[in-house]
């Protein structure tokens, strides 16, 4: 079984047992998180599409780690003007292991 969820402004296809990286979530390590923005759910036999979300569907996961990616440098340089600007940015992320996908039967 698989699902397409919306997390952090992105759409991700997930399956139980998979580990994903999403935008930082307000949860501690070991906490359970619920993704209720499920756009599509499917298995070998059928696929359910949401308009825009599938009613009664949710994906449960467990937070493994909170971290930050490698530093990305942005350098601005204007020739002949003595302008040099260097900035660094580290994007925070949350690593989540998908535990199960719950779907209520279609009415």
PDB file of N, CA and C in Angstrom:
ATOM      1  N   UNK A   1       0.846  -1.176   0.000  1.00  0.00           N
ATOM      2  CA  UNK A   1       0.000   0.000   0.000  1.00  0.00           C
ATOM      3  C   UNK A   1       0.889   1.235   0.000  1.00  0.00           C
ATOM      4  N   UNK A   2       0.458   2.267  -0.727  1.00  0.00           N
ATOM      5  CA  UNK A   2       1.214   3.513  -0.779  1.00  0.00           C
ATOM      6  C   UNK A   2       0.249   4.674  -0.634  1.00  0.00           C
ATOM      7  N   UNK A   3       0.810   5.847  -0.342  1.00  0.00           N
ATOM      8  CA  UNK A   3       0.011   7.064  -0.229  1.00  0.00           C
ATOM      9  C   UNK A   3       0.854   8.236  -0.710  1.00  0.00           C
ATOM     10  N   UNK A   4       0.179   9.253  -1.198  1.00  0.00           N
ATOM     11  CA  UNK A   4       0.827  10.512  -1.549  1.00  0.00           C
ATOM     12  C   UNK A   4       0.340  11.535  -0.542  1.00  0.00           C
ATOM     13  N   UNK A   5       1.295  12.118   0.212  1.00  0.00           N
ATOM     14  CA  UNK A   5       0.938  13.070   1.262  1.00  0.00           C
ATOM     15  C   UNK A   5       1.509  14.440   0.930  1.00  0.00           C
ATOM     16  N   UNK A   6       0.940  15.456   1.562  1.00  0.00           N
ATOM     17  CA  UNK A   6       1.462  16.815   1.454  1.00  0.00           C
ATOM     18  C   UNK A   6       2.099  17.148   2.800  1.00  0.00           C
ATOM     19  N   UNK A   7       3.400  17.455   2.771  1.00  0.00           N
ATOM     20  CA  UNK A   7       4.128  17.784   3.997  1.00  0.00           C
ATOM     21  C   UNK A   7       5.148  18.865   3.680  1.00  0.00           C
ATOM     22  N   UNK A   8       5.048  19.980   4.360  1.00  0.00           N
ATOM     23  CA  UNK A   8       6.009  21.052   4.164  1.00  0.00           C
ATOM     24  C   UNK A   8       5.963  21.678   2.790  1.00  0.00           C
ATOM     25  N   UNK A   9       4.775  21.720   2.178  1.00  0.00           N
ATOM     26  CA  UNK A   9       4.651  22.321   0.859  1.00  0.00           C
ATOM     27  C   UNK A   9       5.086  21.416  -0.279  1.00  0.00           C
ATOM     28  N   UNK A  10       5.415  20.177   0.034  1.00  0.00           N
ATOM     29  CA  UNK A  10       5.851  19.227  -0.995  1.00  0.00           C
ATOM     30  C   UNK A  10       4.936  18.012  -0.978  1.00  0.00           C
ATOM     31  N   UNK A  11       4.882  17.303  -2.096  1.00  0.00           N
ATOM     32  CA  UNK A  11       4.126  16.067  -2.174  1.00  0.00           C
ATOM     33  C   UNK A  11       5.101  14.901  -2.184  1.00  0.00           C
ATOM     34  N   UNK A  12       4.851  13.919  -1.315  1.00  0.00           N
ATOM     35  CA  UNK A  12       5.748  12.780  -1.176  1.00  0.00           C
ATOM     36  C   UNK A  12       4.963  11.482  -1.296  1.00  0.00           C
ATOM     37  N   UNK A  13       5.501  10.529  -2.043  1.00  0.00           N
ATOM     38  CA  UNK A  13       4.912   9.202  -2.100  1.00  0.00           C
ATOM     39  C   UNK A  13       5.573   8.363  -1.017  1.00  0.00           C
ATOM     40  N   UNK A  14       4.767   7.769  -0.122  1.00  0.00           N
ATOM     41  CA  UNK A  14       5.310   7.033   1.012  1.00  0.00           C
ATOM     42  C   UNK A  14       4.692   5.642   1.091  1.00  0.00           C
ATOM     43  N   UNK A  15       5.433   4.752   1.732  1.00  0.00           N
ATOM     44  CA  UNK A  15       4.992   3.391   2.010  1.00  0.00           C
ATOM     45  C   UNK A  15       5.355   3.056   3.449  1.00  0.00           C
ATOM     46  N   UNK A  16       4.673   2.123   4.089  1.00  0.00           N
ATOM     47  CA  UNK A  16       5.047   1.742   5.452  1.00  0.00           C
ATOM     48  C   UNK A  16       6.472   1.200   5.497  1.00  0.00           C
ATOM     49  N   UNK A  17       7.225   1.639   6.516  1.00  0.00           N
ATOM     50  CA  UNK A  17       8.607   1.227   6.673  1.00  0.00           C
ATOM     51  C   UNK A  17       9.607   2.162   6.015  1.00  0.00           C
ATOM     52  N   UNK A  18       9.139   3.104   5.220  1.00  0.00           N
ATOM     53  CA  UNK A  18      10.018   4.035   4.511  1.00  0.00           C
ATOM     54  C   UNK A  18      10.433   5.173   5.443  1.00  0.00           C
ATOM     55  N   UNK A  19      11.646   5.692   5.256  1.00  0.00           N
ATOM     56  CA  UNK A  19      12.151   6.840   6.001  1.00  0.00           C
ATOM     57  C   UNK A  19      12.198   8.037   5.063  1.00  0.00           C
ATOM     58  N   UNK A  20      11.605   9.159   5.517  1.00  0.00           N
ATOM     59  CA  UNK A  20      11.547  10.360   4.684  1.00  0.00           C
ATOM     60  C   UNK A  20      12.102  11.550   5.448  1.00  0.00           C
ATOM     61  N   UNK A  21      12.535  12.562   4.702  1.00  0.00           N
ATOM     62  CA  UNK A  21      12.962  13.840   5.263  1.00  0.00           C
ATOM     63  C   UNK A  21      11.935  14.889   4.866  1.00  0.00           C
ATOM     64  N   UNK A  22      11.371  15.581   5.855  1.00  0.00           N
ATOM     65  CA  UNK A  22      10.381  16.624   5.606  1.00  0.00           C
ATOM     66  C   UNK A  22      10.840  17.909   6.273  1.00  0.00           C
ATOM     67  N   UNK A  23      10.156  18.994   5.967  1.00  0.00           N
ATOM     68  CA  UNK A  23      10.444  20.262   6.638  1.00  0.00           C
ATOM     69  C   UNK A  23      10.267  20.073   8.140  1.00  0.00           C
ATOM     70  N   UNK A  24      10.923  20.898   8.926  1.00  0.00           N
ATOM     71  CA  UNK A  24      10.931  20.754  10.376  1.00  0.00           C
ATOM     72  C   UNK A  24       9.511  20.723  10.938  1.00  0.00           C
ATOM     73  N   UNK A  25       9.239  19.700  11.743  1.00  0.00           N
ATOM     74  CA  UNK A  25       7.947  19.536  12.401  1.00  0.00           C
ATOM     75  C   UNK A  25       8.090  19.844  13.890  1.00  0.00           C
ATOM     76  N   UNK A  26       7.062  20.404  14.515  1.00  0.00           N
ATOM     77  CA  UNK A  26       7.132  20.702  15.953  1.00  0.00           C
ATOM     78  C   UNK A  26       6.879  19.447  16.792  1.00  0.00           C
ATOM     79  N   UNK A  27       7.805  18.515  16.749  1.00  0.00           N
ATOM     80  CA  UNK A  27       7.682  17.264  17.491  1.00  0.00           C
ATOM     81  C   UNK A  27       9.060  16.833  17.962  1.00  0.00           C
ATOM     82  N   UNK A  28       9.104  16.182  19.128  1.00  0.00           N
ATOM     83  CA  UNK A  28      10.370  15.703  19.676  1.00  0.00           C
ATOM     84  C   UNK A  28      10.691  14.334  19.084  1.00  0.00           C
ATOM     85  N   UNK A  29      11.947  13.927  19.252  1.00  0.00           N
ATOM     86  CA  UNK A  29      12.364  12.609  18.766  1.00  0.00           C
ATOM     87  C   UNK A  29      11.581  11.527  19.504  1.00  0.00           C
ATOM     88  N   UNK A  30      11.071  10.564  18.761  1.00  0.00           N
ATOM     89  CA  UNK A  30      10.288   9.485  19.336  1.00  0.00           C
ATOM     90  C   UNK A  30       8.799   9.745  19.340  1.00  0.00           C
ATOM     91  N   UNK A  31       8.365  10.974  19.067  1.00  0.00           N
ATOM     92  CA  UNK A  31       6.942  11.298  19.024  1.00  0.00           C
ATOM     93  C   UNK A  31       6.307  10.742  17.756  1.00  0.00           C
ATOM     94  N   UNK A  32       4.991  10.521  17.846  1.00  0.00           N
ATOM     95  CA  UNK A  32       4.244  10.077  16.687  1.00  0.00           C
ATOM     96  C   UNK A  32       3.664  11.300  15.988  1.00  0.00           C
ATOM     97  N   UNK A  33       3.758  11.336  14.676  1.00  0.00           N
ATOM     98  CA  UNK A  33       3.202  12.431  13.883  1.00  0.00           C
ATOM     99  C   UNK A  33       2.144  11.863  12.947  1.00  0.00           C
ATOM    100  N   UNK A  34       1.136  12.689  12.676  1.00  0.00           N
ATOM    101  CA  UNK A  34       0.028  12.281  11.814  1.00  0.00           C
ATOM    102  C   UNK A  34      -0.018  13.225  10.624  1.00  0.00           C
ATOM    103  N   UNK A  35       0.038  12.654   9.429  1.00  0.00           N
ATOM    104  CA  UNK A  35      -0.118  13.410   8.199  1.00  0.00           C
ATOM    105  C   UNK A  35      -1.550  13.178   7.722  1.00  0.00           C
ATOM    106  N   UNK A  36      -2.400  14.194   7.859  1.00  0.00           N
ATOM    107  CA  UNK A  36      -3.799  14.026   7.466  1.00  0.00           C
ATOM    108  C   UNK A  36      -4.095  14.609   6.085  1.00  0.00           C
ATOM    109  N   UNK A  37      -3.111  15.224   5.452  1.00  0.00           N
ATOM    110  CA  UNK A  37      -3.264  15.736   4.093  1.00  0.00           C
ATOM    111  C   UNK A  37      -2.860  14.633   3.111  1.00  0.00           C
ATOM    112  N   UNK A  38      -3.697  13.624   2.970  1.00  0.00           N
ATOM    113  CA  UNK A  38      -3.431  12.494   2.085  1.00  0.00           C
ATOM    114  C   UNK A  38      -4.132  12.765   0.750  1.00  0.00           C
ATOM    115  N   UNK A  39      -3.352  12.886  -0.317  1.00  0.00           N
ATOM    116  CA  UNK A  39      -3.897  13.232  -1.623  1.00  0.00           C
ATOM    117  C   UNK A  39      -4.327  12.011  -2.432  1.00  0.00           C
ATOM    118  N   UNK A  40      -3.669  10.869  -2.190  1.00  0.00           N
ATOM    119  CA  UNK A  40      -3.984   9.661  -2.938  1.00  0.00           C
ATOM    120  C   UNK A  40      -3.575   8.447  -2.118  1.00  0.00           C
ATOM    121  N   UNK A  41      -4.375   7.397  -2.192  1.00  0.00           N
ATOM    122  CA  UNK A  41      -4.073   6.132  -1.520  1.00  0.00           C
ATOM    123  C   UNK A  41      -4.287   5.023  -2.532  1.00  0.00           C
ATOM    124  N   UNK A  42      -3.361   4.050  -2.531  1.00  0.00           N
ATOM    125  CA  UNK A  42      -3.526   2.971  -3.491  1.00  0.00           C
ATOM    126  C   UNK A  42      -2.820   1.702  -3.063  1.00  0.00           C
ATOM    127  N   UNK A  43      -3.204   0.605  -3.707  1.00  0.00           N
ATOM    128  CA  UNK A  43      -2.528  -0.675  -3.546  1.00  0.00           C
ATOM    129  C   UNK A  43      -2.579  -1.393  -4.892  1.00  0.00           C
ATOM    130  N   UNK A  44      -2.382  -2.709  -4.910  1.00  0.00           N
ATOM    131  CA  UNK A  44      -2.346  -3.435  -6.167  1.00  0.00           C
ATOM    132  C   UNK A  44      -3.692  -3.427  -6.883  1.00  0.00           C
ATOM    133  N   UNK A  45      -4.792  -3.368  -6.127  1.00  0.00           N
ATOM    134  CA  UNK A  45      -6.114  -3.511  -6.722  1.00  0.00           C
ATOM    135  C   UNK A  45      -6.786  -2.206  -7.112  1.00  0.00           C
ATOM    136  N   UNK A  46      -6.676  -1.174  -6.258  1.00  0.00           N
ATOM    137  CA  UNK A  46      -7.414   0.056  -6.530  1.00  0.00           C
ATOM    138  C   UNK A  46      -6.636   1.280  -6.069  1.00  0.00           C
ATOM    139  N   UNK A  47      -7.064   2.425  -6.595  1.00  0.00           N
ATOM    140  CA  UNK A  47      -6.467   3.708  -6.240  1.00  0.00           C
ATOM    141  C   UNK A  47      -7.601   4.663  -5.897  1.00  0.00           C
ATOM    142  N   UNK A  48      -7.449   5.375  -4.768  1.00  0.00           N
ATOM    143  CA  UNK A  48      -8.439   6.390  -4.380  1.00  0.00           C
ATOM    144  C   UNK A  48      -7.783   7.756  -4.461  1.00  0.00           C
ATOM    145  N   UNK A  49      -8.385   8.641  -5.258  1.00  0.00           N
ATOM    146  CA  UNK A  49      -7.902  10.007  -5.398  1.00  0.00           C
ATOM    147  C   UNK A  49      -8.751  10.922  -4.535  1.00  0.00           C
ATOM    148  N   UNK A  50      -8.113  11.928  -3.972  1.00  0.00           N
ATOM    149  CA  UNK A  50      -8.826  12.895  -3.160  1.00  0.00           C
ATOM    150  C   UNK A  50      -9.202  14.122  -3.965  1.00  0.00           C
ATOM    151  N   UNK A  51     -10.172  14.890  -3.439  1.00  0.00           N
ATOM    152  CA  UNK A  51     -10.585  16.130  -4.085  1.00  0.00           C
ATOM    153  C   UNK A  51     -10.650  17.239  -3.053  1.00  0.00           C
ATOM    154  N   UNK A  52      -9.611  17.816  -2.556  1.00  0.00           N
ATOM    155  CA  UNK A  52      -8.206  17.549  -2.835  1.00  0.00           C
ATOM    156  C   UNK A  52      -7.601  16.468  -1.936  1.00  0.00           C
ATOM    157  N   UNK A  53      -8.264  16.113  -0.800  1.00  0.00           N
ATOM    158  CA  UNK A  53      -7.700  15.083   0.078  1.00  0.00           C
ATOM    159  C   UNK A  53      -8.674  13.915   0.165  1.00  0.00           C
ATOM    160  N   UNK A  54      -8.143  12.729   0.486  1.00  0.00           N
ATOM    161  CA  UNK A  54      -8.954  11.529   0.658  1.00  0.00           C
ATOM    162  C   UNK A  54      -9.583  11.592   2.042  1.00  0.00           C
ATOM    163  N   UNK A  55     -10.901  11.530   2.094  1.00  0.00           N
ATOM    164  CA  UNK A  55     -11.611  11.590   3.376  1.00  0.00           C
ATOM    165  C   UNK A  55     -11.349  10.326   4.190  1.00  0.00           C
ATOM    166  N   UNK A  56     -11.035  10.504   5.458  1.00  0.00           N
ATOM    167  CA  UNK A  56     -10.831   9.378   6.360  1.00  0.00           C
ATOM    168  C   UNK A  56      -9.493   8.682   6.225  1.00  0.00           C
ATOM    169  N   UNK A  57      -8.574   9.261   5.487  1.00  0.00           N
ATOM    170  CA  UNK A  57      -7.255   8.653   5.315  1.00  0.00           C
ATOM    171  C   UNK A  57      -6.224   9.468   6.082  1.00  0.00           C
ATOM    172  N   UNK A  58      -5.268   8.764   6.681  1.00  0.00           N
ATOM    173  CA  UNK A  58      -4.169   9.433   7.360  1.00  0.00           C
ATOM    174  C   UNK A  58      -2.963   8.508   7.386  1.00  0.00           C
ATOM    175  N   UNK A  59      -1.797   9.130   7.486  1.00  0.00           N
ATOM    176  CA  UNK A  59      -0.535   8.395   7.524  1.00  0.00           C
ATOM    177  C   UNK A  59       0.113   8.683   8.864  1.00  0.00           C
ATOM    178  N   UNK A  60       0.523   7.626   9.569  1.00  0.00           N
ATOM    179  CA  UNK A  60       1.160   7.784  10.867  1.00  0.00           C
ATOM    180  C   UNK A  60       2.639   7.454  10.761  1.00  0.00           C
ATOM    181  N   UNK A  61       3.438   8.278  11.400  1.00  0.00           N
ATOM    182  CA  UNK A  61       4.881   8.081  11.380  1.00  0.00           C
ATOM    183  C   UNK A  61       5.479   8.391  12.732  1.00  0.00           C
ATOM    184  N   UNK A  62       6.744   8.058  12.895  1.00  0.00           N
ATOM    185  CA  UNK A  62       7.463   8.319  14.139  1.00  0.00           C
ATOM    186  C   UNK A  62       8.715   9.129  13.818  1.00  0.00           C
ATOM    187  N   UNK A  63       8.939  10.189  14.620  1.00  0.00           N
ATOM    188  CA  UNK A  63      10.083  11.068  14.412  1.00  0.00           C
ATOM    189  C   UNK A  63      11.350  10.343  14.854  1.00  0.00           C
ATOM    190  N   UNK A  64      12.318  10.244  13.943  1.00  0.00           N
ATOM    191  CA  UNK A  64      13.595   9.616  14.271  1.00  0.00           C
ATOM    192  C   UNK A  64      14.603  10.654  14.752  1.00  0.00           C
ATOM    193  N   UNK A  65      14.803  11.713  13.964  1.00  0.00           N
ATOM    194  CA  UNK A  65      15.760  12.752  14.338  1.00  0.00           C
ATOM    195  C   UNK A  65      15.271  14.116  13.883  1.00  0.00           C
ATOM    196  N   UNK A  66      15.793  15.135  14.538  1.00  0.00           N
ATOM    197  CA  UNK A  66      15.648  16.526  14.101  1.00  0.00           C
ATOM    198  C   UNK A  66      17.060  16.985  13.741  1.00  0.00           C
ATOM    199  N   UNK A  67      17.223  17.617  12.620  1.00  0.00           N
ATOM    200  CA  UNK A  67      18.569  18.016  12.230  1.00  0.00           C
ATOM    201  C   UNK A  67      18.551  19.175  11.264  1.00  0.00           C
ATOM    202  N   UNK A  68      19.747  19.461  10.739  1.00  0.00           N
ATOM    203  CA  UNK A  68      19.890  20.512   9.737  1.00  0.00           C
ATOM    204  C   UNK A  68      20.798  20.002   8.628  1.00  0.00           C
ATOM    205  N   UNK A  69      20.487  20.410   7.394  1.00  0.00           N
ATOM    206  CA  UNK A  69      21.295  20.019   6.250  1.00  0.00           C
ATOM    207  C   UNK A  69      22.640  20.729   6.272  1.00  0.00           C
ATOM    208  N   UNK A  70      23.503  20.382   5.317  1.00  0.00           N
ATOM    209  CA  UNK A  70      24.796  21.054   5.182  1.00  0.00           C
ATOM    210  C   UNK A  70      24.582  22.529   4.884  1.00  0.00           C
ATOM    211  N   UNK A  71      25.565  23.328   5.235  1.00  0.00           N
ATOM    212  CA  UNK A  71      25.477  24.766   5.005  1.00  0.00           C
ATOM    213  C   UNK A  71      25.618  25.073   3.516  1.00  0.00           C
ATOM    214  N   UNK A  72      24.732  25.946   3.047  1.00  0.00           N
ATOM    215  CA  UNK A  72      24.765  26.427   1.669  1.00  0.00           C
ATOM    216  C   UNK A  72      25.186  27.888   1.729  1.00  0.00           C
ATOM    217  N   UNK A  73      26.194  28.261   0.931  1.00  0.00           N
ATOM    218  CA  UNK A  73      26.693  29.630   0.926  1.00  0.00           C
ATOM    219  C   UNK A  73      26.120  30.388  -0.266  1.00  0.00           C
ATOM    220  N   UNK A  74      25.742  31.624  -0.014  1.00  0.00           N
ATOM    221  CA  UNK A  74      25.286  32.538  -1.053  1.00  0.00           C
ATOM    222  C   UNK A  74      26.263  33.697  -1.070  1.00  0.00           C
ATOM    223  N   UNK A  75      26.874  33.945  -2.217  1.00  0.00           N
ATOM    224  CA  UNK A  75      27.883  34.991  -2.314  1.00  0.00           C
ATOM    225  C   UNK A  75      27.457  35.993  -3.370  1.00  0.00           C
ATOM    226  N   UNK A  76      27.368  37.258  -2.981  1.00  0.00           N
ATOM    227  CA  UNK A  76      26.999  38.325  -3.899  1.00  0.00           C
ATOM    228  C   UNK A  76      28.231  39.202  -4.119  1.00  0.00           C
ATOM    229  N   UNK A  77      28.525  39.467  -5.386  1.00  0.00           N
ATOM    230  CA  UNK A  77      29.716  40.237  -5.725  1.00  0.00           C
ATOM    231  C   UNK A  77      29.369  41.223  -6.828  1.00  0.00           C
ATOM    232  N   UNK A  78      29.662  42.478  -6.600  1.00  0.00           N
ATOM    233  CA  UNK A  78      29.473  43.500  -7.622  1.00  0.00           C
ATOM    234  C   UNK A  78      30.852  44.057  -7.976  1.00  0.00           C
ATOM    235  N   UNK A  79      31.303  43.857  -9.207  1.00  0.00           N
ATOM    236  CA  UNK A  79      32.646  44.313  -9.568  1.00  0.00           C
ATOM    237  C   UNK A  79      32.769  45.840  -9.562  1.00  0.00           C
ATOM    238  N   UNK A  80      33.953  46.305  -9.220  1.00  0.00           N
ATOM    239  CA  UNK A  80      34.323  47.726  -9.218  1.00  0.00           C
ATOM    240  C   UNK A  80      33.572  48.551  -8.185  1.00  0.00           C
ATOM    241  N   UNK A  81      32.835  47.934  -7.279  1.00  0.00           N
ATOM    242  CA  UNK A  81      32.074  48.678  -6.277  1.00  0.00           C
ATOM    243  C   UNK A  81      32.455  48.294  -4.845  1.00  0.00           C
ATOM    244  N   UNK A  82      33.378  47.375  -4.687  1.00  0.00           N
ATOM    245  CA  UNK A  82      33.806  46.887  -3.374  1.00  0.00           C
ATOM    246  C   UNK A  82      32.631  46.300  -2.578  1.00  0.00           C
ATOM    247  N   UNK A  83      31.764  45.595  -3.282  1.00  0.00           N
ATOM    248  CA  UNK A  83      30.618  44.970  -2.627  1.00  0.00           C
ATOM    249  C   UNK A  83      30.826  43.459  -2.647  1.00  0.00           C
ATOM    250  N   UNK A  84      30.894  42.881  -1.471  1.00  0.00           N
ATOM    251  CA  UNK A  84      30.997  41.431  -1.319  1.00  0.00           C
ATOM    252  C   UNK A  84      30.137  41.039  -0.129  1.00  0.00           C
ATOM    253  N   UNK A  85      29.157  40.177  -0.352  1.00  0.00           N
ATOM    254  CA  UNK A  85      28.286  39.718   0.718  1.00  0.00           C
ATOM    255  C   UNK A  85      28.303  38.187   0.723  1.00  0.00           C
ATOM    256  N   UNK A  86      28.563  37.630   1.862  1.00  0.00           N
ATOM    257  CA  UNK A  86      28.576  36.169   1.987  1.00  0.00           C
ATOM    258  C   UNK A  86      27.616  35.789   3.099  1.00  0.00           C
ATOM    259  N   UNK A  87      26.657  34.922   2.761  1.00  0.00           N
ATOM    260  CA  UNK A  87      25.684  34.449   3.741  1.00  0.00           C
ATOM    261  C   UNK A  87      25.646  32.934   3.693  1.00  0.00           C
ATOM    262  N   UNK A  88      25.369  32.347   4.832  1.00  0.00           N
ATOM    263  CA  UNK A  88      25.217  30.902   4.909  1.00  0.00           C
ATOM    264  C   UNK A  88      23.828  30.555   5.417  1.00  0.00           C
ATOM    265  N   UNK A  89      23.334  29.389   5.027  1.00  0.00           N
ATOM    266  CA  UNK A  89      22.000  28.951   5.452  1.00  0.00           C
ATOM    267  C   UNK A  89      22.009  27.443   5.647  1.00  0.00           C
ATOM    268  N   UNK A  90      21.426  26.995   6.761  1.00  0.00           N
ATOM    269  CA  UNK A  90      21.254  25.559   7.009  1.00  0.00           C
ATOM    270  C   UNK A  90      19.776  25.296   7.211  1.00  0.00           C
ATOM    271  N   UNK A  91      19.190  24.523   6.312  1.00  0.00           N
ATOM    272  CA  UNK A  91      17.757  24.245   6.362  1.00  0.00           C
ATOM    273  C   UNK A  91      17.474  23.152   7.394  1.00  0.00           C
ATOM    274  N   UNK A  92      16.567  23.403   8.344  1.00  0.00           N
ATOM    275  CA  UNK A  92      16.213  22.360   9.314  1.00  0.00           C
ATOM    276  C   UNK A  92      15.301  21.295   8.683  1.00  0.00           C
ATOM    277  N   UNK A  93      15.407  20.060   9.169  1.00  0.00           N
ATOM    278  CA  UNK A  93      14.568  18.974   8.667  1.00  0.00           C
ATOM    279  C   UNK A  93      14.195  18.045   9.816  1.00  0.00           C
ATOM    280  N   UNK A  94      13.202  17.214   9.552  1.00  0.00           N
ATOM    281  CA  UNK A  94      12.777  16.172  10.472  1.00  0.00           C
ATOM    282  C   UNK A  94      12.798  14.857   9.704  1.00  0.00           C
ATOM    283  N   UNK A  95      13.440  13.856  10.283  1.00  0.00           N
ATOM    284  CA  UNK A  95      13.476  12.533   9.667  1.00  0.00           C
ATOM    285  C   UNK A  95      12.363  11.697  10.297  1.00  0.00           C
ATOM    286  N   UNK A  96      11.478  11.167   9.454  1.00  0.00           N
ATOM    287  CA  UNK A  96      10.291  10.443   9.920  1.00  0.00           C
ATOM    288  C   UNK A  96      10.268   9.057   9.284  1.00  0.00           C
ATOM    289  N   UNK A  97       9.969   8.041  10.101  1.00  0.00           N
ATOM    290  CA  UNK A  97       9.752   6.682   9.580  1.00  0.00           C
ATOM    291  C   UNK A  97       8.244   6.460   9.501  1.00  0.00           C
ATOM    292  N   UNK A  98       7.752   6.112   8.332  1.00  0.00           N
ATOM    293  CA  UNK A  98       6.319   5.866   8.128  1.00  0.00           C
ATOM    294  C   UNK A  98       5.983   4.505   8.733  1.00  0.00           C
ATOM    295  N   UNK A  99       5.012   4.498   9.651  1.00  0.00           N
ATOM    296  CA  UNK A  99       4.649   3.243  10.314  1.00  0.00           C
ATOM    297  C   UNK A  99       3.447   2.571   9.672  1.00  0.00           C
ATOM    298  N   UNK A 100       2.378   3.331   9.419  1.00  0.00           N
ATOM    299  CA  UNK A 100       1.207   2.707   8.801  1.00  0.00           C
ATOM    300  C   UNK A 100       0.351   3.756   8.092  1.00  0.00           C
ATOM    301  N   UNK A 101      -0.471   3.245   7.184  1.00  0.00           N
ATOM    302  CA  UNK A 101      -1.419   4.063   6.438  1.00  0.00           C
ATOM    303  C   UNK A 101      -2.804   3.572   6.802  1.00  0.00           C
ATOM    304  N   UNK A 102      -3.638   4.481   7.323  1.00  0.00           N
ATOM    305  CA  UNK A 102      -4.984   4.124   7.733  1.00  0.00           C
ATOM    306  C   UNK A 102      -5.983   4.738   6.767  1.00  0.00           C
ATOM    307  N   UNK A 103      -6.911   3.910   6.285  1.00  0.00           N
ATOM    308  CA  UNK A 103      -7.927   4.375   5.351  1.00  0.00           C
ATOM    309  C   UNK A 103      -9.282   3.802   5.802  1.00  0.00           C
ATOM    310  N   UNK A 104     -10.273   4.676   5.928  1.00  0.00           N
ATOM    311  CA  UNK A 104     -11.624   4.215   6.220  1.00  0.00           C
ATOM    312  C   UNK A 104     -12.261   3.723   4.930  1.00  0.00           C
ATOM    313  N   UNK A 105     -13.109   2.731   4.995  1.00  0.00           N
ATOM    314  CA  UNK A 105     -13.747   2.231   3.776  1.00  0.00           C
ATOM    315  C   UNK A 105     -14.565   3.321   3.093  1.00  0.00           C
ATOM    316  N   UNK A 106     -14.603   3.269   1.770  1.00  0.00           N
ATOM    317  CA  UNK A 106     -15.355   4.252   0.996  1.00  0.00           C
ATOM    318  C   UNK A 106     -16.849   4.075   1.251  1.00  0.00           C
ATOM    319  N   UNK A 107     -17.552   5.192   1.344  1.00  0.00           N
ATOM    320  CA  UNK A 107     -18.991   5.132   1.622  1.00  0.00           C
ATOM    321  C   UNK A 107     -19.795   4.891   0.380  1.00  0.00           C
TER     322      UNK A 107
END
